[in-house]
Full PDB file with SEQRES, HELIX, SHEET, SSBOND, CRYST1, ORIGX, SCALE, CONECT and MASTER records, all heavy atoms in Angstrom:
SEQRES   1 A   41  SER ARG VAL ARG ALA THR GLY VAL SER ILE PRO GLY TYR          
SEQRES   2 A   41  VAL ASP ASN ALA GLN GLY VAL VAL ILE ARG SER ASP GLN          
SEQRES   3 A   41  LEU GLY TRP VAL ASP GLU ASP LEU ARG GLY PRO PHE GLU          
SEQRES   4 A   41  ARG ALA                                                      
HELIX    1 AA1 ARG A   35  ARG A   40  1                                   6    
SHEET    1 AA1 3 TYR A  13  ASP A  15  0                                        
SHEET    2 AA1 3 VAL A  20  SER A  24 -1                                        
SHEET    3 AA1 3 TRP A  29  ASP A  33 -1                                        
CRYST1    1.000    1.000    1.000  90.00  90.00  90.00 P 1           1          
ORIGX1      1.000000  0.000000  0.000000        0.00000                         
ORIGX2      0.000000  1.000000  0.000000        0.00000                         
ORIGX3      0.000000  0.000000  1.000000        0.00000                         
SCALE1      1.000000  0.000000  0.000000        0.00000                         
SCALE2      0.000000  1.000000  0.000000        0.00000                         
SCALE3      0.000000  0.000000  1.000000        0.00000                         
ATOM      1  N   SER A   1     -52.758  34.057 -68.344  1.00  0.00           N  
ATOM      2  CA  SER A   1     -53.049  33.237 -69.519  1.00  0.00           C  
ATOM      3  C   SER A   1     -52.874  34.025 -70.808  1.00  0.00           C  
ATOM      4  O   SER A   1     -52.808  33.451 -71.900  1.00  0.00           O  
ATOM      5  CB  SER A   1     -54.483  32.688 -69.446  1.00  0.00           C  
ATOM      6  OG  SER A   1     -55.436  33.728 -69.595  1.00  0.00           O  
ATOM      7  N   ARG A   2     -52.799  35.358 -70.677  1.00  0.00           N  
ATOM      8  CA  ARG A   2     -52.601  36.202 -71.858  1.00  0.00           C  
ATOM      9  C   ARG A   2     -51.121  36.393 -72.206  1.00  0.00           C  
ATOM     10  O   ARG A   2     -50.804  37.055 -73.186  1.00  0.00           O  
ATOM     11  CB  ARG A   2     -53.287  37.551 -71.662  1.00  0.00           C  
ATOM     12  CG  ARG A   2     -54.804  37.437 -71.573  1.00  0.00           C  
ATOM     13  CD  ARG A   2     -55.496  38.785 -71.605  1.00  0.00           C  
ATOM     14  NE  ARG A   2     -56.941  38.632 -71.581  1.00  0.00           N  
ATOM     15  CZ  ARG A   2     -57.688  38.406 -72.655  1.00  0.00           C  
ATOM     16  NH1 ARG A   2     -57.111  38.330 -73.846  1.00  0.00           N  
ATOM     17  NH2 ARG A   2     -58.989  38.265 -72.555  1.00  0.00           N  
ATOM     18  N   VAL A   3     -50.226  35.835 -71.422  1.00  0.00           N  
ATOM     19  CA  VAL A   3     -48.802  35.760 -71.806  1.00  0.00           C  
ATOM     20  C   VAL A   3     -48.692  34.534 -72.699  1.00  0.00           C  
ATOM     21  O   VAL A   3     -48.569  33.409 -72.230  1.00  0.00           O  
ATOM     22  CB  VAL A   3     -47.890  35.652 -70.574  1.00  0.00           C  
ATOM     23  CG1 VAL A   3     -46.423  35.657 -70.994  1.00  0.00           C  
ATOM     24  CG2 VAL A   3     -48.161  36.796 -69.592  1.00  0.00           C  
ATOM     25  N   ARG A   4     -48.742  34.751 -73.995  1.00  0.00           N  
ATOM     26  CA  ARG A   4     -49.039  33.658 -74.908  1.00  0.00           C  
ATOM     27  C   ARG A   4     -47.883  33.189 -75.778  1.00  0.00           C  
ATOM     28  O   ARG A   4     -48.007  32.176 -76.472  1.00  0.00           O  
ATOM     29  CB  ARG A   4     -50.215  34.042 -75.814  1.00  0.00           C  
ATOM     30  CG  ARG A   4     -51.521  34.291 -75.060  1.00  0.00           C  
ATOM     31  CD  ARG A   4     -52.658  34.513 -76.040  1.00  0.00           C  
ATOM     32  NE  ARG A   4     -52.908  33.335 -76.851  1.00  0.00           N  
ATOM     33  CZ  ARG A   4     -53.873  32.458 -76.624  1.00  0.00           C  
ATOM     34  NH1 ARG A   4     -54.668  32.595 -75.574  1.00  0.00           N  
ATOM     35  NH2 ARG A   4     -54.050  31.433 -77.432  1.00  0.00           N  
ATOM     36  N   ALA A   5     -46.757  33.902 -75.800  1.00  0.00           N  
ATOM     37  CA  ALA A   5     -45.660  33.466 -76.673  1.00  0.00           C  
ATOM     38  C   ALA A   5     -44.350  34.113 -76.246  1.00  0.00           C  
ATOM     39  O   ALA A   5     -44.335  35.124 -75.544  1.00  0.00           O  
ATOM     40  CB  ALA A   5     -45.959  33.800 -78.135  1.00  0.00           C  
ATOM     41  N   THR A   6     -43.256  33.516 -76.716  1.00  0.00           N  
ATOM     42  CA  THR A   6     -41.905  34.018 -76.443  1.00  0.00           C  
ATOM     43  C   THR A   6     -41.148  34.163 -77.747  1.00  0.00           C  
ATOM     44  O   THR A   6     -41.221  33.294 -78.622  1.00  0.00           O  
ATOM     45  CB  THR A   6     -41.141  33.045 -75.529  1.00  0.00           C  
ATOM     46  OG1 THR A   6     -41.787  32.985 -74.262  1.00  0.00           O  
ATOM     47  CG2 THR A   6     -39.697  33.484 -75.330  1.00  0.00           C  
ATOM     48  N   GLY A   7     -40.413  35.271 -77.876  1.00  0.00           N  
ATOM     49  CA  GLY A   7     -39.507  35.441 -78.999  1.00  0.00           C  
ATOM     50  C   GLY A   7     -38.077  35.384 -78.509  1.00  0.00           C  
ATOM     51  O   GLY A   7     -37.733  36.019 -77.512  1.00  0.00           O  
ATOM     52  N   VAL A   8     -37.245  34.609 -79.191  1.00  0.00           N  
ATOM     53  CA  VAL A   8     -35.835  34.468 -78.809  1.00  0.00           C  
ATOM     54  C   VAL A   8     -34.964  34.907 -79.980  1.00  0.00           C  
ATOM     55  O   VAL A   8     -35.079  34.371 -81.086  1.00  0.00           O  
ATOM     56  CB  VAL A   8     -35.485  33.022 -78.411  1.00  0.00           C  
ATOM     57  CG1 VAL A   8     -34.038  32.944 -77.925  1.00  0.00           C  
ATOM     58  CG2 VAL A   8     -36.434  32.509 -77.337  1.00  0.00           C  
ATOM     59  N   SER A   9     -34.107  35.878 -79.728  1.00  0.00           N  
ATOM     60  CA  SER A   9     -33.188  36.397 -80.743  1.00  0.00           C  
ATOM     61  C   SER A   9     -31.803  35.799 -80.533  1.00  0.00           C  
ATOM     62  O   SER A   9     -31.308  35.759 -79.412  1.00  0.00           O  
ATOM     63  CB  SER A   9     -33.128  37.926 -80.651  1.00  0.00           C  
ATOM     64  OG  SER A   9     -32.043  38.432 -81.386  1.00  0.00           O  
ATOM     65  N   ILE A  10     -31.196  35.349 -81.641  1.00  0.00           N  
ATOM     66  CA  ILE A  10     -29.914  34.648 -81.569  1.00  0.00           C  
ATOM     67  C   ILE A  10     -28.965  35.200 -82.635  1.00  0.00           C  
ATOM     68  O   ILE A  10     -29.378  35.414 -83.775  1.00  0.00           O  
ATOM     69  CB  ILE A  10     -30.126  33.125 -81.814  1.00  0.00           C  
ATOM     70  CG1 ILE A  10     -30.900  32.505 -80.668  1.00  0.00           C  
ATOM     71  CG2 ILE A  10     -28.807  32.399 -82.015  1.00  0.00           C  
ATOM     72  CD1 ILE A  10     -30.137  32.394 -79.376  1.00  0.00           C  
ATOM     73  N   PRO A  11     -27.692  35.414 -82.296  1.00  0.00           N  
ATOM     74  CA  PRO A  11     -26.720  35.770 -83.332  1.00  0.00           C  
ATOM     75  C   PRO A  11     -26.334  34.542 -84.141  1.00  0.00           C  
ATOM     76  O   PRO A  11     -26.047  33.487 -83.575  1.00  0.00           O  
ATOM     77  CB  PRO A  11     -25.528  36.295 -82.521  1.00  0.00           C  
ATOM     78  CG  PRO A  11     -25.620  35.571 -81.211  1.00  0.00           C  
ATOM     79  CD  PRO A  11     -27.086  35.377 -80.951  1.00  0.00           C  
ATOM     80  N   GLY A  12     -26.362  34.650 -85.454  1.00  0.00           N  
ATOM     81  CA  GLY A  12     -25.970  33.517 -86.279  1.00  0.00           C  
ATOM     82  C   GLY A  12     -26.993  33.206 -87.348  1.00  0.00           C  
ATOM     83  O   GLY A  12     -27.904  33.987 -87.625  1.00  0.00           O  
ATOM     84  N   TYR A  13     -26.842  32.060 -87.952  1.00  0.00           N  
ATOM     85  CA  TYR A  13     -27.742  31.599 -89.005  1.00  0.00           C  
ATOM     86  C   TYR A  13     -28.924  30.886 -88.346  1.00  0.00           C  
ATOM     87  O   TYR A  13     -28.731  29.887 -87.647  1.00  0.00           O  
ATOM     88  CB  TYR A  13     -27.026  30.634 -89.946  1.00  0.00           C  
ATOM     89  CG  TYR A  13     -25.838  31.221 -90.662  1.00  0.00           C  
ATOM     90  CD1 TYR A  13     -24.587  31.290 -90.045  1.00  0.00           C  
ATOM     91  CD2 TYR A  13     -25.950  31.697 -91.960  1.00  0.00           C  
ATOM     92  CE1 TYR A  13     -23.487  31.825 -90.698  1.00  0.00           C  
ATOM     93  CE2 TYR A  13     -24.853  32.231 -92.625  1.00  0.00           C  
ATOM     94  CZ  TYR A  13     -23.625  32.291 -91.996  1.00  0.00           C  
ATOM     95  OH  TYR A  13     -22.544  32.825 -92.639  1.00  0.00           O  
ATOM     96  N   VAL A  14     -30.115  31.380 -88.595  1.00  0.00           N  
ATOM     97  CA  VAL A  14     -31.303  30.868 -87.904  1.00  0.00           C  
ATOM     98  C   VAL A  14     -32.350  30.405 -88.911  1.00  0.00           C  
ATOM     99  O   VAL A  14     -32.713  31.149 -89.827  1.00  0.00           O  
ATOM    100  CB  VAL A  14     -31.912  31.958 -86.988  1.00  0.00           C  
ATOM    101  CG1 VAL A  14     -33.223  31.476 -86.381  1.00  0.00           C  
ATOM    102  CG2 VAL A  14     -30.926  32.345 -85.891  1.00  0.00           C  
ATOM    103  N   ASP A  15     -32.818  29.189 -88.756  1.00  0.00           N  
ATOM    104  CA  ASP A  15     -33.986  28.700 -89.496  1.00  0.00           C  
ATOM    105  C   ASP A  15     -35.195  28.975 -88.624  1.00  0.00           C  
ATOM    106  O   ASP A  15     -35.538  28.191 -87.749  1.00  0.00           O  
ATOM    107  CB  ASP A  15     -33.837  27.198 -89.771  1.00  0.00           C  
ATOM    108  CG  ASP A  15     -34.998  26.625 -90.591  1.00  0.00           C  
ATOM    109  OD1 ASP A  15     -36.052  27.284 -90.673  1.00  0.00           O  
ATOM    110  OD2 ASP A  15     -34.840  25.515 -91.128  1.00  0.00           O  
ATOM    111  N   ASN A  16     -35.843  30.132 -88.860  1.00  0.00           N  
ATOM    112  CA  ASN A  16     -36.925  30.518 -87.952  1.00  0.00           C  
ATOM    113  C   ASN A  16     -38.165  29.671 -88.141  1.00  0.00           C  
ATOM    114  O   ASN A  16     -38.983  29.553 -87.233  1.00  0.00           O  
ATOM    115  CB  ASN A  16     -37.253  32.014 -88.111  1.00  0.00           C  
ATOM    116  CG  ASN A  16     -37.844  32.350 -89.462  1.00  0.00           C  
ATOM    117  OD1 ASN A  16     -37.433  31.802 -90.477  1.00  0.00           O  
ATOM    118  ND2 ASN A  16     -38.805  33.237 -89.469  1.00  0.00           N  
ATOM    119  N   ALA A  17     -38.343  29.059 -89.306  1.00  0.00           N  
ATOM    120  CA  ALA A  17     -39.509  28.191 -89.513  1.00  0.00           C  
ATOM    121  C   ALA A  17     -39.415  26.944 -88.637  1.00  0.00           C  
ATOM    122  O   ALA A  17     -40.422  26.468 -88.094  1.00  0.00           O  
ATOM    123  CB  ALA A  17     -39.630  27.804 -90.985  1.00  0.00           C  
ATOM    124  N   GLN A  18     -38.211  26.398 -88.484  1.00  0.00           N  
ATOM    125  CA  GLN A  18     -38.009  25.182 -87.696  1.00  0.00           C  
ATOM    126  C   GLN A  18     -37.583  25.471 -86.258  1.00  0.00           C  
ATOM    127  O   GLN A  18     -37.569  24.570 -85.416  1.00  0.00           O  
ATOM    128  CB  GLN A  18     -36.958  24.294 -88.360  1.00  0.00           C  
ATOM    129  CG  GLN A  18     -37.321  23.850 -89.772  1.00  0.00           C  
ATOM    130  CD  GLN A  18     -38.576  23.022 -89.814  1.00  0.00           C  
ATOM    131  OE1 GLN A  18     -38.814  22.180 -88.935  1.00  0.00           O  
ATOM    132  NE2 GLN A  18     -39.414  23.241 -90.824  1.00  0.00           N  
ATOM    133  N   GLY A  19     -37.191  26.721 -85.985  1.00  0.00           N  
ATOM    134  CA  GLY A  19     -36.716  27.044 -84.641  1.00  0.00           C  
ATOM    135  C   GLY A  19     -35.342  26.480 -84.355  1.00  0.00           C  
ATOM    136  O   GLY A  19     -35.010  26.178 -83.202  1.00  0.00           O  
ATOM    137  N   VAL A  20     -34.508  26.388 -85.392  1.00  0.00           N  
ATOM    138  CA  VAL A  20     -33.188  25.774 -85.277  1.00  0.00           C  
ATOM    139  C   VAL A  20     -32.106  26.818 -85.566  1.00  0.00           C  
ATOM    140  O   VAL A  20     -32.238  27.622 -86.497  1.00  0.00           O  
ATOM    141  CB  VAL A  20     -33.040  24.591 -86.256  1.00  0.00           C  
ATOM    142  CG1 VAL A  20     -31.613  24.067 -86.294  1.00  0.00           C  
ATOM    143  CG2 VAL A  20     -34.006  23.469 -85.868  1.00  0.00           C  
ATOM    144  N   VAL A  21     -31.044  26.810 -84.767  1.00  0.00           N  
ATOM    145  CA  VAL A  21     -29.876  27.640 -85.027  1.00  0.00           C  
ATOM    146  C   VAL A  21     -28.907  26.814 -85.864  1.00  0.00           C  
ATOM    147  O   VAL A  21     -28.321  25.842 -85.384  1.00  0.00           O  
ATOM    148  CB  VAL A  21     -29.204  28.104 -83.719  1.00  0.00           C  
ATOM    149  CG1 VAL A  21     -27.985  28.964 -84.022  1.00  0.00           C  
ATOM    150  CG2 VAL A  21     -30.201  28.874 -82.853  1.00  0.00           C  
ATOM    151  N   ILE A  22     -28.770  27.189 -87.119  1.00  0.00           N  
ATOM    152  CA  ILE A  22     -27.914  26.428 -88.025  1.00  0.00           C  
ATOM    153  C   ILE A  22     -26.451  26.604 -87.651  1.00  0.00           C  
ATOM    154  O   ILE A  22     -25.673  25.650 -87.642  1.00  0.00           O  
ATOM    155  CB  ILE A  22     -28.166  26.862 -89.479  1.00  0.00           C  
ATOM    156  CG1 ILE A  22     -29.625  26.586 -89.859  1.00  0.00           C  
ATOM    157  CG2 ILE A  22     -27.219  26.143 -90.435  1.00  0.00           C  
ATOM    158  CD1 ILE A  22     -30.036  27.168 -91.197  1.00  0.00           C  
ATOM    159  N   ARG A  23     -26.090  27.838 -87.318  1.00  0.00           N  
ATOM    160  CA  ARG A  23     -24.709  28.104 -86.901  1.00  0.00           C  
ATOM    161  C   ARG A  23     -24.654  29.421 -86.152  1.00  0.00           C  
ATOM    162  O   ARG A  23     -25.269  30.404 -86.564  1.00  0.00           O  
ATOM    163  CB  ARG A  23     -23.783  28.165 -88.118  1.00  0.00           C  
ATOM    164  CG  ARG A  23     -22.349  28.602 -87.795  1.00  0.00           C  
ATOM    165  CD  ARG A  23     -21.496  28.582 -89.035  1.00  0.00           C  
ATOM    166  NE  ARG A  23     -20.177  29.188 -88.803  1.00  0.00           N  
ATOM    167  CZ  ARG A  23     -19.201  29.218 -89.694  1.00  0.00           C  
ATOM    168  NH1 ARG A  23     -19.378  28.680 -90.879  1.00  0.00           N  
ATOM    169  NH2 ARG A  23     -18.048  29.784 -89.408  1.00  0.00           N  
ATOM    170  N   SER A  24     -23.943  29.439 -85.039  1.00  0.00           N  
ATOM    171  CA  SER A  24     -23.695  30.673 -84.300  1.00  0.00           C  
ATOM    172  C   SER A  24     -22.257  30.663 -83.825  1.00  0.00           C  
ATOM    173  O   SER A  24     -21.894  29.882 -82.928  1.00  0.00           O  
ATOM    174  CB  SER A  24     -24.649  30.807 -83.100  1.00  0.00           C  
ATOM    175  OG  SER A  24     -24.307  31.935 -82.320  1.00  0.00           O  
ATOM    176  N   ASP A  25     -21.427  31.490 -84.447  1.00  0.00           N  
ATOM    177  CA  ASP A  25     -20.022  31.554 -84.050  1.00  0.00           C  
ATOM    178  C   ASP A  25     -19.876  32.078 -82.623  1.00  0.00           C  
ATOM    179  O   ASP A  25     -19.023  31.624 -81.865  1.00  0.00           O  
ATOM    180  CB  ASP A  25     -19.249  32.462 -85.009  1.00  0.00           C  
ATOM    181  CG  ASP A  25     -19.137  31.868 -86.405  1.00  0.00           C  
ATOM    182  OD1 ASP A  25     -19.269  30.639 -86.533  1.00  0.00           O  
ATOM    183  OD2 ASP A  25     -18.910  32.634 -87.365  1.00  0.00           O  
ATOM    184  N   GLN A  26     -20.711  33.060 -82.252  1.00  0.00           N  
ATOM    185  CA  GLN A  26     -20.609  33.642 -80.913  1.00  0.00           C  
ATOM    186  C   GLN A  26     -20.920  32.635 -79.822  1.00  0.00           C  
ATOM    187  O   GLN A  26     -20.298  32.629 -78.761  1.00  0.00           O  
ATOM    188  CB  GLN A  26     -21.549  34.849 -80.787  1.00  0.00           C  
ATOM    189  CG  GLN A  26     -21.133  36.050 -81.610  1.00  0.00           C  
ATOM    190  CD  GLN A  26     -21.771  36.034 -82.988  1.00  0.00           C  
ATOM    191  OE1 GLN A  26     -22.014  34.982 -83.558  1.00  0.00           O  
ATOM    192  NE2 GLN A  26     -22.036  37.219 -83.517  1.00  0.00           N  
ATOM    193  N   LEU A  27     -21.918  31.781 -80.059  1.00  0.00           N  
ATOM    194  CA  LEU A  27     -22.321  30.803 -79.048  1.00  0.00           C  
ATOM    195  C   LEU A  27     -21.681  29.432 -79.261  1.00  0.00           C  
ATOM    196  O   LEU A  27     -21.818  28.554 -78.407  1.00  0.00           O  
ATOM    197  CB  LEU A  27     -23.849  30.669 -79.048  1.00  0.00           C  
ATOM    198  CG  LEU A  27     -24.622  31.954 -78.709  1.00  0.00           C  
ATOM    199  CD1 LEU A  27     -26.127  31.743 -78.868  1.00  0.00           C  
ATOM    200  CD2 LEU A  27     -24.305  32.417 -77.296  1.00  0.00           C  
ATOM    201  N   GLY A  28     -21.010  29.264 -80.384  1.00  0.00           N  
ATOM    202  CA  GLY A  28     -20.357  27.986 -80.661  1.00  0.00           C  
ATOM    203  C   GLY A  28     -21.328  26.875 -80.986  1.00  0.00           C  
ATOM    204  O   GLY A  28     -21.066  25.708 -80.653  1.00  0.00           O  
ATOM    205  N   TRP A  29     -22.435  27.183 -81.647  1.00  0.00           N  
ATOM    206  CA  TRP A  29     -23.474  26.199 -81.935  1.00  0.00           C  
ATOM    207  C   TRP A  29     -23.491  25.831 -83.413  1.00  0.00           C  
ATOM    208  O   TRP A  29     -23.233  26.676 -84.281  1.00  0.00           O  
ATOM    209  CB  TRP A  29     -24.851  26.747 -81.578  1.00  0.00           C  
ATOM    210  CG  TRP A  29     -25.092  26.988 -80.122  1.00  0.00           C  
ATOM    211  CD1 TRP A  29     -24.273  26.682 -79.077  1.00  0.00           C  
ATOM    212  CD2 TRP A  29     -26.250  27.601 -79.551  1.00  0.00           C  
ATOM    213  NE1 TRP A  29     -24.842  27.062 -77.890  1.00  0.00           N  
ATOM    214  CE2 TRP A  29     -26.054  27.634 -78.147  1.00  0.00           C  
ATOM    215  CE3 TRP A  29     -27.429  28.136 -80.072  1.00  0.00           C  
ATOM    216  CZ2 TRP A  29     -26.999  28.165 -77.276  1.00  0.00           C  
ATOM    217  CZ3 TRP A  29     -28.365  28.666 -79.215  1.00  0.00           C  
ATOM    218  CH2 TRP A  29     -28.155  28.680 -77.823  1.00  0.00           C  
ATOM    219  N   VAL A  30     -23.843  24.585 -83.676  1.00  0.00           N  
ATOM    220  CA  VAL A  30     -24.105  24.113 -85.023  1.00  0.00           C  
ATOM    221  C   VAL A  30     -25.324  23.195 -84.962  1.00  0.00           C  
ATOM    222  O   VAL A  30     -25.356  22.235 -84.186  1.00  0.00           O  
ATOM    223  CB  VAL A  30     -22.895  23.345 -85.614  1.00  0.00           C  
ATOM    224  CG1 VAL A  30     -23.257  22.782 -86.989  1.00  0.00           C  
ATOM    225  CG2 VAL A  30     -21.683  24.259 -85.721  1.00  0.00           C  
ATOM    226  N   ASP A  31     -26.349  23.525 -85.757  1.00  0.00           N  
ATOM    227  CA  ASP A  31     -27.579  22.718 -85.851  1.00  0.00           C  
ATOM    228  C   ASP A  31     -28.169  22.406 -84.469  1.00  0.00           C  
ATOM    229  O   ASP A  31     -28.377  21.245 -84.099  1.00  0.00           O  
ATOM    230  CB  ASP A  31     -27.298  21.412 -86.605  1.00  0.00           C  
ATOM    231  CG  ASP A  31     -26.990  21.653 -88.070  1.00  0.00           C  
ATOM    232  OD1 ASP A  31     -27.503  22.647 -88.633  1.00  0.00           O  
ATOM    233  OD2 ASP A  31     -26.229  20.863 -88.664  1.00  0.00           O  
ATOM    234  N   GLU A  32     -28.465  23.443 -83.730  1.00  0.00           N  
ATOM    235  CA  GLU A  32     -29.038  23.293 -82.392  1.00  0.00           C  
ATOM    236  C   GLU A  32     -30.528  23.648 -82.411  1.00  0.00           C  
ATOM    237  O   GLU A  32     -30.920  24.711 -82.900  1.00  0.00           O  
ATOM    238  CB  GLU A  32     -28.325  24.213 -81.394  1.00  0.00           C  
ATOM    239  CG  GLU A  32     -26.903  23.817 -81.084  1.00  0.00           C  
ATOM    240  CD  GLU A  32     -26.815  22.645 -80.115  1.00  0.00           C  
ATOM    241  OE1 GLU A  32     -27.874  22.152 -79.664  1.00  0.00           O  
ATOM    242  OE2 GLU A  32     -25.689  22.231 -79.799  1.00  0.00           O  
ATOM    243  N   ASP A  33     -31.340  22.744 -81.885  1.00  0.00           N  
ATOM    244  CA  ASP A  33     -32.765  23.028 -81.717  1.00  0.00           C  
ATOM    245  C   ASP A  33     -32.929  24.001 -80.558  1.00  0.00           C  
ATOM    246  O   ASP A  33     -32.533  23.706 -79.430  1.00  0.00           O  
ATOM    247  CB  ASP A  33     -33.534  21.734 -81.431  1.00  0.00           C  
ATOM    248  CG  ASP A  33     -34.988  21.993 -81.061  1.00  0.00           C  
ATOM    249  OD1 ASP A  33     -35.578  22.958 -81.597  1.00  0.00           O  
ATOM    250  OD2 ASP A  33     -35.535  21.238 -80.239  1.00  0.00           O  
ATOM    251  N   LEU A  34     -33.495  25.156 -80.828  1.00  0.00           N  
ATOM    252  CA  LEU A  34     -33.694  26.153 -79.775  1.00  0.00           C  
ATOM    253  C   LEU A  34     -35.149  26.182 -79.317  1.00  0.00           C  
ATOM    254  O   LEU A  34     -35.423  26.361 -78.137  1.00  0.00           O  
ATOM    255  CB  LEU A  34     -33.279  27.541 -80.288  1.00  0.00           C  
ATOM    256  CG  LEU A  34     -33.155  28.630 -79.225  1.00  0.00           C  
ATOM    257  CD1 LEU A  34     -31.957  28.357 -78.325  1.00  0.00           C  
ATOM    258  CD2 LEU A  34     -33.019  29.999 -79.871  1.00  0.00           C  
ATOM    259  N   ARG A  35     -36.053  25.996 -80.251  1.00  0.00           N  
ATOM    260  CA  ARG A  35     -37.472  26.102 -79.917  1.00  0.00           C  
ATOM    261  C   ARG A  35     -37.883  25.056 -78.880  1.00  0.00           C  
ATOM    262  O   ARG A  35     -38.577  25.376 -77.909  1.00  0.00           O  
ATOM    263  CB  ARG A  35     -38.317  25.945 -81.180  1.00  0.00           C  
ATOM    264  CG  ARG A  35     -39.825  25.993 -80.922  1.00  0.00           C  
ATOM    265  CD  ARG A  35     -40.601  25.775 -82.201  1.00  0.00           C  
ATOM    266  NE  ARG A  35     -40.397  26.879 -83.122  1.00  0.00           N  
ATOM    267  CZ  ARG A  35     -40.627  26.804 -84.422  1.00  0.00           C  
ATOM    268  NH1 ARG A  35     -41.025  25.658 -84.960  1.00  0.00           N  
ATOM    269  NH2 ARG A  35     -40.451  27.863 -85.188  1.00  0.00           N  
ATOM    270  N   GLY A  36     -37.457  23.822 -79.064  1.00  0.00           N  
ATOM    271  CA  GLY A  36     -37.889  22.748 -78.168  1.00  0.00           C  
ATOM    272  C   GLY A  36     -37.571  23.015 -76.706  1.00  0.00           C  
ATOM    273  O   GLY A  36     -38.467  22.994 -75.853  1.00  0.00           O  
ATOM    274  N   PRO A  37     -36.292  23.256 -76.352  1.00  0.00           N  
ATOM    275  CA  PRO A  37     -35.961  23.514 -74.944  1.00  0.00           C  
ATOM    276  C   PRO A  37     -36.706  24.716 -74.363  1.00  0.00           C  
ATOM    277  O   PRO A  37     -37.139  24.675 -73.205  1.00  0.00           O  
ATOM    278  CB  PRO A  37     -34.449  23.758 -74.984  1.00  0.00           C  
ATOM    279  CG  PRO A  37     -33.973  23.032 -76.185  1.00  0.00           C  
ATOM    280  CD  PRO A  37     -35.070  23.158 -77.186  1.00  0.00           C  
ATOM    281  N   PHE A  38     -36.876  25.777 -75.134  1.00  0.00           N  
ATOM    282  CA  PHE A  38     -37.564  26.959 -74.622  1.00  0.00           C  
ATOM    283  C   PHE A  38     -39.062  26.698 -74.434  1.00  0.00           C  
ATOM    284  O   PHE A  38     -39.653  27.164 -73.455  1.00  0.00           O  
ATOM    285  CB  PHE A  38     -37.336  28.162 -75.536  1.00  0.00           C  
ATOM    286  CG  PHE A  38     -36.118  28.965 -75.174  1.00  0.00           C  
ATOM    287  CD1 PHE A  38     -34.862  28.609 -75.650  1.00  0.00           C  
ATOM    288  CD2 PHE A  38     -36.222  30.060 -74.338  1.00  0.00           C  
ATOM    289  CE1 PHE A  38     -33.733  29.335 -75.309  1.00  0.00           C  
ATOM    290  CE2 PHE A  38     -35.095  30.801 -73.988  1.00  0.00           C  
ATOM    291  CZ  PHE A  38     -33.847  30.429 -74.473  1.00  0.00           C  
ATOM    292  N   GLU A  39     -39.670  25.975 -75.344  1.00  0.00           N  
ATOM    293  CA  GLU A  39     -41.096  25.674 -75.172  1.00  0.00           C  
ATOM    294  C   GLU A  39     -41.324  24.780 -73.963  1.00  0.00           C  
ATOM    295  O   GLU A  39     -42.306  24.947 -73.238  1.00  0.00           O  
ATOM    296  CB  GLU A  39     -41.652  25.027 -76.445  1.00  0.00           C  
ATOM    297  CG  GLU A  39     -41.797  26.021 -77.597  1.00  0.00           C  
ATOM    298  CD  GLU A  39     -42.528  25.447 -78.794  1.00  0.00           C  
ATOM    299  OE1 GLU A  39     -42.598  24.197 -78.914  1.00  0.00           O  
ATOM    300  OE2 GLU A  39     -43.025  26.240 -79.626  1.00  0.00           O  
ATOM    301  N   ARG A  40     -40.399  23.853 -73.725  1.00  0.00           N  
ATOM    302  CA  ARG A  40     -40.546  22.992 -72.550  1.00  0.00           C  
ATOM    303  C   ARG A  40     -40.325  23.778 -71.257  1.00  0.00           C  
ATOM    304  O   ARG A  40     -41.008  23.543 -70.247  1.00  0.00           O  
ATOM    305  CB  ARG A  40     -39.564  21.819 -72.638  1.00  0.00           C  
ATOM    306  CG  ARG A  40     -39.924  20.787 -73.705  1.00  0.00           C  
ATOM    307  CD  ARG A  40     -39.058  19.540 -73.599  1.00  0.00           C  
ATOM    308  NE  ARG A  40     -37.671  19.800 -73.979  1.00  0.00           N  
ATOM    309  CZ  ARG A  40     -37.215  19.722 -75.221  1.00  0.00           C  
ATOM    310  NH1 ARG A  40     -38.042  19.407 -76.206  1.00  0.00           N  
ATOM    311  NH2 ARG A  40     -35.939  19.943 -75.490  1.00  0.00           N  
ATOM    312  N   ALA A  41     -39.379  24.717 -71.276  1.00  0.00           N  
ATOM    313  CA  ALA A  41     -39.068  25.475 -70.060  1.00  0.00           C  
ATOM    314  C   ALA A  41     -40.112  26.534 -69.741  1.00  0.00           C  
ATOM    315  O   ALA A  41     -40.393  26.801 -68.565  1.00  0.00           O  
ATOM    316  CB  ALA A  41     -37.692  26.131 -70.198  1.00  0.00           C  
TER     317      ALA A  41                                                      
MASTER        0    0    0    1    3    0    0    6  316    1    0    4          
END                                                                             
C-alpha cells in the first residue's frame, strides 16, 4: 500500500499538469492522454 505513485518520462512536448503528451516525434504522438491509461492500468 506504500507504493503510492508512478512517474512516466516521455520524449516530446509534455503538459505535466494535465498528463498529456502534446507532441512526441519519437513516438509519433499528438495530443495523447498518458495519465489516464497508466492510472487505470
